[in-house]
Protein backbone atom coordinates (compact mmCIF):
# COMPACT_ATOMS: atom_id res chain seq x y z
CA MET A 1 0.02 0.00 -0.34
CA GLU A 2 1.68 3.41 -0.76
CA GLU A 3 2.31 5.68 1.62
CA ALA A 4 -0.15 8.69 0.45
CA SER A 5 -3.06 5.99 1.08
CA LYS A 6 -1.82 5.24 4.42
CA ASN A 7 -1.76 9.22 5.33
CA ARG A 8 -5.34 9.64 3.58
CA VAL A 9 -6.15 6.84 6.14
CA ARG A 10 -4.70 8.43 9.33
CA THR A 11 -5.91 11.35 8.43
CA ARG A 12 -9.63 11.01 8.21
CA ALA A 13 -9.04 8.56 11.82
CA ASP A 14 -7.67 11.48 13.65
CA SER A 15 -4.93 9.28 14.29
CA ARG A 16 -7.26 7.54 16.77
CA CYS A 17 -8.55 3.33 16.35
CA GLU A 18 -11.56 3.12 14.35
CA TYR A 19 -12.79 0.77 16.36
CA CYS A 20 -11.70 1.58 20.32
CA LYS A 21 -11.04 5.38 20.13
CA VAL A 22 -7.48 5.49 21.65
CA TYR A 23 -5.24 7.56 20.02
CA GLN A 24 -1.84 6.02 18.22
CA ASP A 25 -0.07 8.36 20.79
CA CYS A 26 -0.83 6.34 23.65
CA TYR A 27 1.02 3.72 22.24
CA PRO A 28 4.30 4.68 21.31
CA ASP A 29 5.56 1.83 21.02
CA PHE A 30 3.22 0.42 18.32
CA THR A 31 2.22 1.51 14.93
CA PHE A 32 -1.60 1.67 14.40
CA HIS A 33 -2.29 -1.07 11.45
CA ILE A 34 -4.26 0.39 8.05
CA GLU A 35 -6.94 -2.94 8.27
CA HIS A 36 -8.80 -3.81 5.31
CA ILE A 37 -12.61 -3.94 7.38
CA ILE A 38 -13.70 -7.02 5.44
CA ALA A 39 -10.49 -9.19 4.87
CA ARG A 40 -9.07 -9.57 1.74
CA GLN A 41 -9.64 -13.34 1.77
CA HIS A 42 -13.40 -12.49 2.21
CA GLY A 43 -13.25 -10.54 -1.15
CA GLY A 44 -12.25 -7.48 0.31
CA ASP A 45 -10.52 -4.49 -1.48
CA SER A 46 -7.80 -2.04 -0.59
CA SER A 47 -10.07 0.58 -1.71
CA PRO A 48 -10.42 3.75 1.33
CA ASP A 49 -14.15 2.68 1.75
CA ASN A 50 -12.82 -1.08 3.21
CA LEU A 51 -9.74 1.02 5.55
CA ALA A 52 -9.48 1.68 8.71
CA LEU A 53 -6.92 2.77 11.04
CA SER A 54 -6.86 0.22 13.80
CA CYS A 55 -4.65 -0.13 16.88
CA HIS A 56 -2.27 -3.31 17.60
CA LEU A 57 -5.31 -4.87 20.47
CA CYS A 58 -8.25 -4.34 18.23
CA ASN A 59 -6.43 -5.70 15.05
CA ALA A 60 -5.36 -8.40 16.30
CA LYS A 61 -8.91 -9.74 17.73
CA LYS A 62 -10.37 -9.06 14.61
CA GLY A 63 -8.63 -10.65 12.49
CA PRO A 64 -10.56 -11.85 8.95
CA ASN A 65 -13.83 -11.89 10.99
CA LEU A 66 -17.12 -10.37 10.21
CA ALA A 67 -18.96 -11.12 12.81
CA GLY A 68 -19.46 -12.75 16.30
CA LEU A 69 -22.19 -13.87 18.56
CA ASP A 70 -23.80 -11.04 20.68
CA PRO A 71 -22.55 -11.52 24.34
CA ASP A 72 -26.66 -10.73 25.41
CA THR A 73 -28.80 -12.85 22.47
CA GLY A 74 -26.22 -15.50 21.61
CA GLU A 75 -26.95 -14.70 18.03
CA LEU A 76 -24.24 -14.31 15.05
CA LYS A 77 -23.99 -10.11 14.40
CA PRO A 78 -21.96 -8.43 12.18
CA LEU A 79 -19.04 -6.55 13.72
CA PHE A 80 -19.21 -2.31 13.75
CA HIS A 81 -18.14 -1.48 9.84
CA PRO A 82 -16.03 1.69 10.31
CA ARG A 83 -16.82 3.86 7.21
CA LYS A 84 -20.72 2.46 7.14
CA GLU A 85 -21.93 3.11 10.45
CA SER A 86 -21.80 5.43 13.17
CA TRP A 87 -19.37 5.07 16.21
CA SER A 88 -21.67 6.79 18.61
CA GLY A 89 -24.65 5.11 17.29
CA ARG A 90 -22.98 1.73 18.43
CA PHE A 91 -20.86 2.54 21.37
CA ALA A 92 -20.64 4.53 24.58
CA MET A 93 -18.13 4.89 27.16
CA GLN A 94 -19.06 5.01 30.99
CA GLU A 95 -16.88 7.49 33.19
CA ASP A 96 -14.52 4.89 34.43
CA GLY A 97 -13.53 4.22 30.94
CA VAL A 98 -15.82 0.65 30.22
CA LEU A 99 -17.03 0.50 26.55
CA TYR A 100 -20.50 -0.97 26.16
CA GLY A 101 -22.37 -1.68 23.08
CA LEU A 102 -25.72 0.31 22.31
CA THR A 103 -26.87 -2.43 19.61
CA SER A 104 -26.52 -5.73 19.09
CA ILE A 105 -23.86 -4.76 16.89
CA GLY A 106 -21.92 -2.67 19.38
CA ARG A 107 -21.69 -5.37 21.86
CA THR A 108 -20.77 -8.38 19.33
CA THR A 109 -17.80 -5.75 18.30
CA VAL A 110 -16.70 -5.19 21.93
CA CYS A 111 -16.92 -8.86 22.93
CA VAL A 112 -15.03 -10.08 19.62
CA LEU A 113 -12.17 -7.51 20.15
CA GLY A 114 -11.77 -6.96 23.83
CA MET A 115 -11.94 -4.00 23.94
CA ASN A 116 -12.45 -3.48 27.87
CA SER A 117 -9.32 -5.28 28.90
CA ILE A 118 -8.31 -3.70 32.26
CA MET A 119 -5.33 -1.57 30.38
CA ARG A 120 -7.65 -0.15 27.73
CA VAL A 121 -10.52 0.49 30.03
CA ALA A 122 -7.22 2.07 31.91
CA ILE A 123 -6.38 4.17 29.11
CA ARG A 124 -9.41 5.52 27.75
CA HIS A 125 -10.30 6.56 31.69
CA GLU A 126 -7.11 8.60 31.85
CA LEU A 127 -8.23 10.32 28.11
CA ARG A 128 -11.46 10.98 29.84
CA GLN A 129 -9.86 12.69 32.92
CA LEU A 130 -7.36 14.87 30.64
CA GLY A 131 -10.41 15.71 28.08
CA ARG A 132 -9.08 13.86 25.17
CA TRP A 133 -12.02 11.83 24.93
CA SER A 134 -15.11 13.41 22.58
């Protein structure tokens, strides 16, 4: 992938993971990934509409997954698609940094991507305290 394409994705995402919304500078030892929302093995391409900025933690958990089981209903649901859906329509954050899904897609994505690990919650909580969470 060309560097110009990578830079466009990073700029569009404001250097934040498009899944968990943590900033790249919160993980100075890791470069966020340009990830295929729909993996190439599932027919996804490298067009801008299929690329998202993803932290190493979300990217590792998501892998080529397109769906998962809603932890509340056990039903198979698609994962959040950052190009087609609004983050604030699918997720919210509690004061303590815990993310929760507002919909079945949100709940499924939080669960599959392990978005509420202790470290990730602590980082979001600190971002909120520093006024860096929007």
